[in-house]
Amino acid sequence: MNSTPTQEPAHQKSTRKNEAKPDLEEGRTGDEVEAKKIEALKAALEEEKRRSEDYLNRLKYMQADFENFRKRIDRHIDEIKRQSSERIVLGLLDVVDELEMAIKNAKSAGSLETLINGVEMTLKKLNKVLAGEGVSQIECIGKPFDPSFHEVACVVDGDSDGLVVEEVRRGYMMGGRVIRPSVVKISKKSSSKVKEEGDSHE
C-alpha cells in the first residue's frame, strides 16, 4: 500500500520562512558592527599618526632651538675668552713698556742701580697684572712641606724635619687652585743632630 506524503500546512511553511529571516538580519547586523569597528580603528590610527607627526614636528623645532641656543652660548664663550685674552695682553704690554723704559734709562744714565730700580718697578707692575687675574704667590719659606703645594728639589741638613728652607722656583695659585707648585728645598735632621738630641734627653 503506497503512502501518500503528507502535505505541510501553509501556515507552517510561512512560519518557517519567518524563522529564517532573523538569521539573515543578524548576519547583516554583525557585518555592520565589524565594519564600524574597523572604521573606528582606522580613525584612531589616523589620529595617532596625526599626533605622532605633531610630536615629531615639535621635536624638530626643539632640536633646532637647542642648536641655535648652543651656537649662541659657544659664541658668547668665545667672546669672553677673547676679551679676557685681550685684557691680559694689554696688561703685559704695559709691563713691556716698563721694561723698555728701565733699560733705556739705565743706558742713558750708565747706572746699574737705575736698571735695578726700573726692573723692580716693572716686577711690581707685573705682579699687579697677575693679581688682577686672580693669581697669587704661594708662601712656603718656613712652612711644613705639603705635596699639594710644593715639589722637592732636594733635601738639606737642618734643625727640623720637613720644613721648607729655600724656594728654588716660586709657585702660584689662581682662583684657589694651584696652577704651578713651588719647587723647594726641605730640611732633614742630620744623624749627628738626632744623636745629640738623644744624648741630651738621657
N, C-alpha and C. Protein backbone atom coordinates (compact mmCIF):
# COMPACT_ATOMS: atom_id res chain seq x y z
N MET A 1 0.84 -1.19 0.00
CA MET A 1 0.00 0.00 0.00
C MET A 1 0.87 1.23 0.00
N ASN A 2 0.77 2.02 -0.98
CA ASN A 2 1.58 3.24 -1.10
C ASN A 2 1.01 4.31 -0.20
N SER A 3 2.03 4.94 0.57
CA SER A 3 1.61 6.04 1.44
C SER A 3 1.84 7.36 0.74
N THR A 4 0.87 8.18 0.81
CA THR A 4 0.97 9.49 0.15
C THR A 4 1.58 10.48 1.11
N PRO A 5 2.69 11.24 0.72
CA PRO A 5 3.34 12.21 1.63
C PRO A 5 2.34 13.23 2.13
N THR A 6 2.44 13.43 3.39
CA THR A 6 1.53 14.40 4.00
C THR A 6 1.97 15.81 3.64
N GLN A 7 1.09 16.54 3.11
CA GLN A 7 1.41 17.91 2.69
C GLN A 7 1.39 18.83 3.90
N GLU A 8 2.51 19.62 4.01
CA GLU A 8 2.65 20.53 5.15
C GLU A 8 1.67 21.67 5.01
N PRO A 9 1.01 21.99 6.10
CA PRO A 9 0.06 23.10 6.03
C PRO A 9 0.75 24.39 5.63
N ALA A 10 0.04 25.25 5.02
CA ALA A 10 0.59 26.52 4.51
C ALA A 10 1.05 27.43 5.61
N HIS A 11 0.32 27.40 6.75
CA HIS A 11 0.72 28.31 7.82
C HIS A 11 2.04 27.91 8.43
N GLN A 12 2.38 26.60 8.42
CA GLN A 12 3.69 26.15 8.95
C GLN A 12 4.82 26.58 8.03
N LYS A 13 4.58 26.51 6.70
CA LYS A 13 5.60 26.98 5.75
C LYS A 13 5.89 28.45 5.97
N SER A 14 4.88 29.22 6.19
CA SER A 14 5.04 30.65 6.41
C SER A 14 5.84 30.93 7.67
N THR A 15 5.55 30.08 8.70
CA THR A 15 6.28 30.27 9.96
C THR A 15 7.75 29.99 9.78
N ARG A 16 8.09 28.93 9.03
CA ARG A 16 9.50 28.60 8.79
C ARG A 16 10.23 29.69 8.03
N LYS A 17 9.57 30.27 7.05
CA LYS A 17 10.18 31.37 6.30
C LYS A 17 10.48 32.54 7.21
N ASN A 18 9.52 32.83 8.11
CA ASN A 18 9.71 33.94 9.05
C ASN A 18 10.84 33.66 10.03
N GLU A 19 11.01 32.35 10.40
CA GLU A 19 12.10 31.98 11.32
C GLU A 19 13.46 32.16 10.66
N ALA A 20 13.59 32.01 9.39
CA ALA A 20 14.86 32.14 8.69
C ALA A 20 15.28 33.59 8.54
N LYS A 21 14.35 34.50 8.51
CA LYS A 21 14.65 35.91 8.30
C LYS A 21 15.52 36.52 9.39
N PRO A 22 15.23 36.28 10.69
CA PRO A 22 16.09 36.87 11.73
C PRO A 22 17.55 36.49 11.59
N ASP A 23 17.85 35.23 11.15
CA ASP A 23 19.25 34.82 10.99
C ASP A 23 19.95 35.70 9.96
N LEU A 24 19.26 35.99 8.87
CA LEU A 24 19.85 36.82 7.83
C LEU A 24 20.04 38.24 8.33
N GLU A 25 19.04 38.74 9.05
CA GLU A 25 19.14 40.09 9.58
C GLU A 25 20.26 40.19 10.60
N GLU A 26 20.41 39.15 11.46
CA GLU A 26 21.51 39.16 12.45
C GLU A 26 22.85 39.13 11.75
N GLY A 27 22.97 38.40 10.65
CA GLY A 27 24.23 38.35 9.91
C GLY A 27 24.59 39.71 9.35
N ARG A 28 23.61 40.39 8.80
CA ARG A 28 23.86 41.72 8.27
C ARG A 28 24.23 42.69 9.39
N THR A 29 23.61 42.56 10.54
CA THR A 29 23.90 43.43 11.68
C THR A 29 25.32 43.20 12.18
N GLY A 30 25.78 41.96 12.22
CA GLY A 30 27.16 41.64 12.63
C GLY A 30 28.18 42.24 11.69
N ASP A 31 27.93 42.18 10.41
CA ASP A 31 28.85 42.78 9.42
C ASP A 31 28.94 44.29 9.61
N GLU A 32 27.79 44.88 9.89
CA GLU A 32 27.79 46.33 10.10
C GLU A 32 28.60 46.71 11.34
N VAL A 33 28.47 45.89 12.41
CA VAL A 33 29.24 46.14 13.64
C VAL A 33 30.73 46.03 13.37
N GLU A 34 31.12 44.97 12.65
CA GLU A 34 32.53 44.80 12.32
C GLU A 34 33.05 45.95 11.47
N ALA A 35 32.21 46.38 10.54
CA ALA A 35 32.61 47.49 9.67
C ALA A 35 32.79 48.77 10.49
N LYS A 36 31.89 48.98 11.46
CA LYS A 36 32.01 50.16 12.30
C LYS A 36 33.28 50.10 13.16
N LYS A 37 33.60 48.89 13.67
CA LYS A 37 34.82 48.72 14.47
C LYS A 37 36.06 49.04 13.62
N ILE A 38 36.06 48.55 12.41
CA ILE A 38 37.20 48.80 11.51
C ILE A 38 37.33 50.28 11.23
N GLU A 39 36.17 50.92 10.97
CA GLU A 39 36.21 52.37 10.73
C GLU A 39 36.74 53.13 11.94
N ALA A 40 36.31 52.68 13.14
CA ALA A 40 36.77 53.33 14.38
C ALA A 40 38.27 53.14 14.56
N LEU A 41 38.77 51.92 14.25
CA LEU A 41 40.20 51.65 14.35
C LEU A 41 40.99 52.49 13.35
N LYS A 42 40.44 52.60 12.13
CA LYS A 42 41.11 53.43 11.13
C LYS A 42 41.19 54.89 11.59
N ALA A 43 40.08 55.37 12.15
CA ALA A 43 40.06 56.76 12.62
C ALA A 43 41.05 56.96 13.76
N ALA A 44 41.11 55.96 14.68
CA ALA A 44 42.06 56.05 15.80
C ALA A 44 43.49 56.03 15.29
N LEU A 45 43.73 55.18 14.27
CA LEU A 45 45.07 55.10 13.69
C LEU A 45 45.46 56.43 13.03
N GLU A 46 44.53 57.01 12.32
CA GLU A 46 44.79 58.30 11.68
C GLU A 46 45.07 59.38 12.73
N GLU A 47 44.34 59.34 13.83
CA GLU A 47 44.55 60.31 14.92
C GLU A 47 45.93 60.14 15.55
N GLU A 48 46.33 58.88 15.75
CA GLU A 48 47.65 58.61 16.32
C GLU A 48 48.76 59.05 15.35
N LYS A 49 48.53 58.82 14.06
CA LYS A 49 49.51 59.27 13.07
C LYS A 49 49.63 60.79 13.08
N ARG A 50 48.47 61.46 13.21
CA ARG A 50 48.48 62.92 13.26
C ARG A 50 49.23 63.41 14.50
N ARG A 51 48.98 62.76 15.64
CA ARG A 51 49.67 63.13 16.87
C ARG A 51 51.17 62.88 16.76
N SER A 52 51.53 61.73 16.17
CA SER A 52 52.95 61.40 16.02
C SER A 52 53.66 62.43 15.15
N GLU A 53 53.01 62.82 14.05
CA GLU A 53 53.60 63.85 13.19
C GLU A 53 53.73 65.18 13.92
N ASP A 54 52.73 65.49 14.74
CA ASP A 54 52.77 66.73 15.51
C ASP A 54 53.92 66.70 16.51
N TYR A 55 54.07 65.57 17.23
CA TYR A 55 55.18 65.43 18.18
C TYR A 55 56.52 65.49 17.48
N LEU A 56 56.61 64.86 16.30
CA LEU A 56 57.86 64.86 15.55
C LEU A 56 58.23 66.27 15.11
N ASN A 57 57.23 67.03 14.66
CA ASN A 57 57.50 68.42 14.26
C ASN A 57 57.94 69.26 15.46
N ARG A 58 57.28 69.05 16.60
CA ARG A 58 57.68 69.78 17.81
C ARG A 58 59.10 69.44 18.20
N LEU A 59 59.43 68.15 18.11
CA LEU A 59 60.79 67.71 18.45
C LEU A 59 61.82 68.34 17.53
N LYS A 60 61.48 68.43 16.25
CA LYS A 60 62.39 69.06 15.29
C LYS A 60 62.60 70.54 15.63
N TYR A 61 61.50 71.24 15.98
CA TYR A 61 61.62 72.65 16.36
C TYR A 61 62.47 72.81 17.62
N MET A 62 62.23 71.90 18.60
CA MET A 62 63.01 71.96 19.84
C MET A 62 64.49 71.71 19.57
N GLN A 63 64.78 70.75 18.71
CA GLN A 63 66.17 70.45 18.36
C GLN A 63 66.82 71.64 17.67
N ALA A 64 66.07 72.27 16.78
CA ALA A 64 66.62 73.45 16.09
C ALA A 64 66.85 74.59 17.07
N ASP A 65 65.90 74.78 18.00
CA ASP A 65 66.07 75.82 19.02
C ASP A 65 67.29 75.54 19.90
N PHE A 66 67.46 74.27 20.25
CA PHE A 66 68.62 73.90 21.08
C PHE A 66 69.93 74.13 20.36
N GLU A 67 69.96 73.79 19.09
CA GLU A 67 71.18 74.02 18.30
C GLU A 67 71.51 75.51 18.21
N ASN A 68 70.49 76.31 18.00
CA ASN A 68 70.70 77.77 17.96
C ASN A 68 71.18 78.29 19.30
N PHE A 69 70.58 77.76 20.38
CA PHE A 69 70.99 78.17 21.73
C PHE A 69 72.45 77.79 21.99
N ARG A 70 72.81 76.55 21.59
CA ARG A 70 74.20 76.09 21.79
C ARG A 70 75.19 76.94 21.01
N LYS A 71 74.81 77.31 19.80
CA LYS A 71 75.69 78.17 19.00
C LYS A 71 75.86 79.54 19.64
N ARG A 72 74.76 80.08 20.19
CA ARG A 72 74.85 81.39 20.87
C ARG A 72 75.76 81.31 22.08
N ILE A 73 75.63 80.23 22.84
CA ILE A 73 76.48 80.04 24.03
C ILE A 73 77.94 79.91 23.62
N ASP A 74 78.21 79.13 22.57
CA ASP A 74 79.59 78.97 22.09
C ASP A 74 80.18 80.31 21.66
N ARG A 75 79.38 81.11 20.95
CA ARG A 75 79.86 82.43 20.52
C ARG A 75 80.11 83.32 21.73
N HIS A 76 79.23 83.22 22.72
CA HIS A 76 79.38 84.02 23.94
C HIS A 76 80.66 83.64 24.69
N ILE A 77 80.91 82.33 24.78
CA ILE A 77 82.13 81.85 25.46
C ILE A 77 83.38 82.30 24.71
N ASP A 78 83.34 82.19 23.39
CA ASP A 78 84.49 82.63 22.58
C ASP A 78 84.74 84.12 22.77
N GLU A 79 83.66 84.90 22.86
CA GLU A 79 83.81 86.34 23.04
C GLU A 79 84.42 86.66 24.42
N ILE A 80 83.97 85.92 25.44
CA ILE A 80 84.54 86.13 26.79
C ILE A 80 86.02 85.77 26.80
N LYS A 81 86.37 84.65 26.15
CA LYS A 81 87.78 84.24 26.08
C LYS A 81 88.61 85.31 25.37
N ARG A 82 88.07 85.82 24.27
CA ARG A 82 88.80 86.83 23.50
C ARG A 82 89.02 88.09 24.34
N GLN A 83 87.97 88.52 25.02
CA GLN A 83 88.10 89.72 25.85
C GLN A 83 89.07 89.51 27.01
N SER A 84 89.03 88.31 27.61
CA SER A 84 89.95 88.01 28.71
C SER A 84 91.39 88.02 28.21
N SER A 85 91.61 87.40 27.05
CA SER A 85 92.96 87.36 26.49
C SER A 85 93.45 88.77 26.18
N GLU A 86 92.57 89.59 25.61
CA GLU A 86 92.96 90.97 25.29
C GLU A 86 93.33 91.74 26.55
N ARG A 87 92.54 91.53 27.62
CA ARG A 87 92.81 92.23 28.88
C ARG A 87 94.18 91.85 29.43
N ILE A 88 94.49 90.55 29.40
CA ILE A 88 95.78 90.08 29.91
C ILE A 88 96.92 90.62 29.05
N VAL A 89 96.74 90.56 27.72
CA VAL A 89 97.80 91.02 26.82
C VAL A 89 98.04 92.52 27.01
N LEU A 90 96.96 93.30 27.16
CA LEU A 90 97.14 94.73 27.38
C LEU A 90 97.92 95.00 28.66
N GLY A 91 97.62 94.22 29.71
CA GLY A 91 98.38 94.36 30.96
C GLY A 91 99.85 94.01 30.78
N LEU A 92 100.12 92.97 30.00
CA LEU A 92 101.52 92.58 29.76
C LEU A 92 102.24 93.59 28.87
N LEU A 93 101.50 94.21 27.97
CA LEU A 93 102.13 95.24 27.13
C LEU A 93 102.59 96.43 27.98
N ASP A 94 101.83 96.74 29.03
CA ASP A 94 102.26 97.78 29.97
C ASP A 94 103.57 97.38 30.64
N VAL A 95 103.69 96.09 30.96
CA VAL A 95 104.93 95.59 31.58
C VAL A 95 106.09 95.71 30.60
N VAL A 96 105.84 95.38 29.33
CA VAL A 96 106.88 95.51 28.31
C VAL A 96 107.34 96.97 28.21
N ASP A 97 106.37 97.89 28.25
CA ASP A 97 106.72 99.32 28.20
C ASP A 97 107.62 99.70 29.39
N GLU A 98 107.29 99.19 30.57
CA GLU A 98 108.07 99.48 31.78
C GLU A 98 109.50 98.95 31.64
N LEU A 99 109.63 97.73 31.11
CA LEU A 99 110.97 97.14 30.93
C LEU A 99 111.80 97.95 29.93
N GLU A 100 111.16 98.30 28.82
CA GLU A 100 111.88 99.08 27.81
C GLU A 100 112.33 100.42 28.39
N MET A 101 111.48 101.05 29.19
CA MET A 101 111.82 102.32 29.80
C MET A 101 112.97 102.16 30.79
N ALA A 102 112.94 101.06 31.57
CA ALA A 102 114.00 100.82 32.55
C ALA A 102 115.35 100.64 31.86
N ILE A 103 115.35 99.85 30.79
CA ILE A 103 116.60 99.62 30.05
C ILE A 103 117.10 100.92 29.43
N LYS A 104 116.18 101.70 28.84
CA LYS A 104 116.56 102.96 28.19
C LYS A 104 117.17 103.94 29.21
N ASN A 105 116.52 104.06 30.38
CA ASN A 105 117.02 104.97 31.41
C ASN A 105 118.37 104.52 31.96
N ALA A 106 118.51 103.19 32.13
CA ALA A 106 119.78 102.66 32.64
C ALA A 106 120.92 102.93 31.66
N LYS A 107 120.63 102.79 30.39
CA LYS A 107 121.66 103.03 29.38
C LYS A 107 122.06 104.51 29.35
N SER A 108 121.07 105.38 29.38
CA SER A 108 121.39 106.81 29.31
C SER A 108 122.09 107.29 30.57
N ALA A 109 121.73 106.70 31.70
CA ALA A 109 122.37 107.13 32.97
C ALA A 109 123.66 106.38 33.22
N GLY A 110 123.83 105.27 32.54
CA GLY A 110 125.03 104.46 32.76
C GLY A 110 125.11 103.93 34.18
N SER A 111 123.95 103.65 34.76
CA SER A 111 123.91 103.25 36.17
C SER A 111 123.20 101.91 36.31
N LEU A 112 123.87 100.98 37.00
CA LEU A 112 123.25 99.69 37.28
C LEU A 112 122.10 99.83 38.27
N GLU A 113 122.25 100.76 39.19
CA GLU A 113 121.20 100.97 40.18
C GLU A 113 119.90 101.42 39.52
N THR A 114 120.03 102.28 38.50
CA THR A 114 118.84 102.73 37.77
C THR A 114 118.14 101.55 37.10
N LEU A 115 118.93 100.64 36.54
CA LEU A 115 118.36 99.45 35.89
C LEU A 115 117.64 98.57 36.91
N ILE A 116 118.31 98.38 38.06
CA ILE A 116 117.70 97.54 39.10
C ILE A 116 116.38 98.14 39.57
N ASN A 117 116.37 99.45 39.82
CA ASN A 117 115.14 100.12 40.26
C ASN A 117 114.03 99.99 39.21
N GLY A 118 114.41 100.13 37.94
CA GLY A 118 113.42 100.01 36.86
C GLY A 118 112.84 98.61 36.78
N VAL A 119 113.71 97.60 36.93
CA VAL A 119 113.23 96.21 36.87
C VAL A 119 112.33 95.91 38.06
N GLU A 120 112.68 96.41 39.23
CA GLU A 120 111.84 96.19 40.41
C GLU A 120 110.46 96.82 40.23
N MET A 121 110.42 98.00 39.66
CA MET A 121 109.13 98.66 39.40
C MET A 121 108.31 97.85 38.40
N THR A 122 109.00 97.32 37.40
CA THR A 122 108.32 96.51 36.38
C THR A 122 107.77 95.23 36.99
N LEU A 123 108.54 94.60 37.88
CA LEU A 123 108.08 93.38 38.54
C LEU A 123 106.83 93.65 39.36
N LYS A 124 106.80 94.78 40.06
CA LYS A 124 105.60 95.15 40.82
C LYS A 124 104.40 95.31 39.90
N LYS A 125 104.65 95.93 38.76
CA LYS A 125 103.59 96.12 37.78
C LYS A 125 103.06 94.77 37.29
N LEU A 126 103.98 93.85 37.01
CA LEU A 126 103.59 92.53 36.53
C LEU A 126 102.79 91.77 37.59
N ASN A 127 103.24 91.83 38.84
CA ASN A 127 102.50 91.15 39.92
C ASN A 127 101.10 91.74 40.08
N LYS A 128 100.98 93.03 39.83
CA LYS A 128 99.67 93.68 39.91
C LYS A 128 98.75 93.16 38.80
N VAL A 129 99.31 92.97 37.61
CA VAL A 129 98.53 92.43 36.49
C VAL A 129 98.06 91.02 36.83
N LEU A 130 98.97 90.21 37.38
CA LEU A 130 98.62 88.83 37.74
C LEU A 130 97.57 88.80 38.84
N ALA A 131 97.72 89.68 39.82
CA ALA A 131 96.74 89.73 40.91
C ALA A 131 95.36 90.10 40.39
N GLY A 132 95.34 90.96 39.38
CA GLY A 132 94.06 91.34 38.77
C GLY A 132 93.37 90.17 38.09
N GLU A 133 94.14 89.15 37.74
CA GLU A 133 93.58 87.94 37.12
C GLU A 133 93.36 86.84 38.14
N GLY A 134 93.49 87.19 39.44
CA GLY A 134 93.25 86.20 40.49
C GLY A 134 94.43 85.29 40.78
N VAL A 135 95.64 85.71 40.36
CA VAL A 135 96.85 84.90 40.57
C VAL A 135 97.55 85.40 41.83
N SER A 136 97.94 84.47 42.69
CA SER A 136 98.65 84.82 43.92
C SER A 136 99.83 83.87 44.12
N GLN A 137 100.85 84.36 44.83
CA GLN A 137 102.03 83.56 45.08
C GLN A 137 101.79 82.61 46.25
N ILE A 138 102.45 81.46 46.21
CA ILE A 138 102.38 80.50 47.32
C ILE A 138 103.49 80.83 48.30
N GLU A 139 103.11 81.14 49.53
CA GLU A 139 104.10 81.39 50.58
C GLU A 139 104.56 80.06 51.14
N CYS A 140 105.86 79.83 51.13
CA CYS A 140 106.32 78.50 51.52
C CYS A 140 107.50 78.49 52.50
N ILE A 141 108.32 79.52 52.54
CA ILE A 141 109.51 79.51 53.39
C ILE A 141 109.10 79.37 54.86
N GLY A 142 109.73 78.39 55.53
CA GLY A 142 109.47 78.16 56.95
C GLY A 142 108.21 77.36 57.22
N LYS A 143 107.51 76.95 56.17
CA LYS A 143 106.27 76.18 56.36
C LYS A 143 106.55 74.69 56.17
N PRO A 144 105.74 73.82 56.78
CA PRO A 144 105.92 72.38 56.58
C PRO A 144 105.71 72.00 55.12
N PHE A 145 106.47 71.02 54.66
CA PHE A 145 106.32 70.56 53.28
C PHE A 145 104.92 70.00 53.06
N ASP A 146 104.29 70.42 51.96
CA ASP A 146 102.95 69.95 51.60
C ASP A 146 102.98 69.59 50.12
N PRO A 147 102.82 68.30 49.79
CA PRO A 147 102.89 67.90 48.37
C PRO A 147 101.81 68.52 47.50
N SER A 148 100.75 69.05 48.13
CA SER A 148 99.70 69.73 47.34
C SER A 148 100.18 71.07 46.80
N PHE A 149 101.20 71.65 47.47
CA PHE A 149 101.68 72.98 47.08
C PHE A 149 103.16 73.00 46.69
N HIS A 150 103.90 71.96 47.07
CA HIS A 150 105.36 72.00 46.88
C HIS A 150 105.87 70.78 46.12
N GLU A 151 106.97 71.01 45.41
CA GLU A 151 107.75 69.92 44.82
C GLU A 151 109.16 70.00 45.41
N VAL A 152 109.73 68.85 45.78
CA VAL A 152 111.04 68.84 46.42
C VAL A 152 112.14 68.85 45.38
N ALA A 153 113.00 69.84 45.48
CA ALA A 153 114.19 69.88 44.61
C ALA A 153 115.30 69.05 45.24
N CYS A 154 115.48 69.22 46.55
CA CYS A 154 116.49 68.45 47.27
C CYS A 154 116.23 68.56 48.77
N VAL A 155 116.93 67.69 49.52
CA VAL A 155 116.82 67.68 50.98
C VAL A 155 118.16 68.11 51.55
N VAL A 156 118.11 69.01 52.51
CA VAL A 156 119.35 69.52 53.12
C VAL A 156 119.29 69.31 54.62
N ASP A 157 120.47 69.28 55.23
CA ASP A 157 120.52 69.14 56.68
C ASP A 157 119.94 70.38 57.35
N GLY A 158 119.22 70.16 58.43
CA GLY A 158 118.64 71.28 59.15
C GLY A 158 118.33 70.91 60.59
N ASP A 159 117.67 71.84 61.26
CA ASP A 159 117.35 71.64 62.66
C ASP A 159 116.05 70.87 62.86
N SER A 160 115.23 70.76 61.80
CA SER A 160 113.96 70.04 61.93
C SER A 160 113.64 69.32 60.63
N ASP A 161 112.73 68.37 60.71
CA ASP A 161 112.36 67.58 59.54
C ASP A 161 111.17 68.19 58.80
N GLY A 162 111.29 68.24 57.46
CA GLY A 162 110.14 68.56 56.62
C GLY A 162 109.76 70.02 56.53
N LEU A 163 110.65 70.93 56.92
CA LEU A 163 110.35 72.36 56.76
C LEU A 163 110.97 72.88 55.46
N VAL A 164 110.26 73.78 54.80
CA VAL A 164 110.80 74.41 53.59
C VAL A 164 111.81 75.47 54.02
N VAL A 165 113.05 75.28 53.55
CA VAL A 165 114.11 76.22 53.96
C VAL A 165 114.53 77.14 52.81
N GLU A 166 114.18 76.76 51.58
CA GLU A 166 114.56 77.61 50.44
C GLU A 166 113.58 77.38 49.29
N GLU A 167 113.29 78.47 48.58
CA GLU A 167 112.40 78.40 47.41
C GLU A 167 113.25 78.47 46.14
N VAL A 168 113.25 77.39 45.37
CA VAL A 168 114.03 77.34 44.13
C VAL A 168 113.25 78.01 42.99
N ARG A 169 111.97 77.73 42.94
CA ARG A 169 111.10 78.37 41.93
C ARG A 169 109.76 78.67 42.59
N ARG A 170 109.30 79.89 42.43
CA ARG A 170 108.07 80.31 43.09
C ARG A 170 106.85 79.62 42.48
N GLY A 171 105.92 79.26 43.37
CA GLY A 171 104.67 78.64 42.93
C GLY A 171 103.53 79.65 42.94
N TYR A 172 102.49 79.34 42.19
CA TYR A 172 101.36 80.27 42.06
C TYR A 172 100.03 79.52 42.14
N MET A 173 99.02 80.26 42.64
CA MET A 173 97.65 79.77 42.68
C MET A 173 96.76 80.73 41.89
N MET A 174 95.66 80.17 41.39
CA MET A 174 94.70 81.00 40.66
C MET A 174 93.30 80.52 41.00
N GLY A 175 92.50 81.43 41.56
CA GLY A 175 91.15 81.04 41.94
C GLY A 175 91.12 79.95 43.00
N GLY A 176 92.10 79.96 43.90
CA GLY A 176 92.14 78.96 44.96
C GLY A 176 92.68 77.61 44.53
N ARG A 177 93.20 77.51 43.31
CA ARG A 177 93.73 76.25 42.79
C ARG A 177 95.20 76.44 42.40
N VAL A 178 96.01 75.44 42.73
CA VAL A 178 97.44 75.51 42.40
C VAL A 178 97.61 75.33 40.89
N ILE A 179 98.21 76.34 40.25
CA ILE A 179 98.48 76.23 38.82
C ILE A 179 99.95 75.90 38.57
N ARG A 180 100.80 76.20 39.57
CA ARG A 180 102.21 75.80 39.48
C ARG A 180 102.74 75.66 40.91
N PRO A 181 103.12 74.45 41.31
CA PRO A 181 103.62 74.27 42.68
C PRO A 181 105.00 74.91 42.86
N SER A 182 105.31 75.23 44.10
CA SER A 182 106.63 75.77 44.42
C SER A 182 107.66 74.64 44.42
N VAL A 183 108.80 74.92 43.81
CA VAL A 183 109.92 73.97 43.88
C VAL A 183 110.81 74.41 45.04
N VAL A 184 111.01 73.51 46.01
CA VAL A 184 111.63 73.94 47.27
C VAL A 184 112.71 72.95 47.72
N LYS A 185 113.51 73.47 48.65
CA LYS A 185 114.44 72.62 49.40
C LYS A 185 113.86 72.45 50.80
N ILE A 186 113.88 71.21 51.28
CA ILE A 186 113.33 70.96 52.61
C ILE A 186 114.45 70.42 53.53
N SER A 187 114.22 70.63 54.81
CA SER A 187 115.24 70.25 55.79
C SER A 187 114.99 68.85 56.33
N LYS A 188 116.11 68.26 56.76
CA LYS A 188 116.05 66.97 57.44
C LYS A 188 117.14 66.95 58.50
N LYS A 189 116.78 66.52 59.68
CA LYS A 189 117.76 66.48 60.76
C LYS A 189 118.88 65.51 60.39
N SER A 190 120.11 65.97 60.56
CA SER A 190 121.25 65.09 60.31
C SER A 190 121.33 64.05 61.43
N SER A 191 122.03 62.97 61.15
CA SER A 191 122.16 61.89 62.15
C SER A 191 122.87 62.39 63.39
N SER A 192 123.81 63.31 63.23
CA SER A 192 124.53 63.84 64.39
C SER A 192 123.60 64.67 65.27
N LYS A 193 122.67 65.44 64.63
CA LYS A 193 121.71 66.22 65.38
C LYS A 193 120.77 65.31 66.17
N VAL A 194 120.32 64.24 65.48
CA VAL A 194 119.42 63.30 66.15
C VAL A 194 120.11 62.65 67.32
N LYS A 195 121.43 62.31 67.15
CA LYS A 195 122.19 61.66 68.23
C LYS A 195 122.37 62.64 69.39
N GLU A 196 122.65 63.91 69.06
CA GLU A 196 122.85 64.90 70.11
C GLU A 196 121.57 65.09 70.93
N GLU A 197 120.42 65.12 70.24
CA GLU A 197 119.16 65.29 70.94
C GLU A 197 118.86 64.08 71.80
N GLY A 198 119.21 62.89 71.29
CA GLY A 198 119.01 61.68 72.08
C GLY A 198 119.87 61.68 73.33
N ASP A 199 121.13 62.13 73.21
CA ASP A 199 122.03 62.18 74.38
C ASP A 199 121.55 63.20 75.40
N SER A 200 120.99 64.33 74.93
CA SER A 200 120.54 65.36 75.85
C SER A 200 119.35 64.90 76.67
N HIS A 201 118.51 64.05 76.08
CA HIS A 201 117.34 63.54 76.80
C HIS A 201 117.76 62.53 77.85
N GLU A 202 118.88 61.83 77.61
CA GLU A 202 119.36 60.88 78.60
C GLU A 202 119.95 61.66 79.76
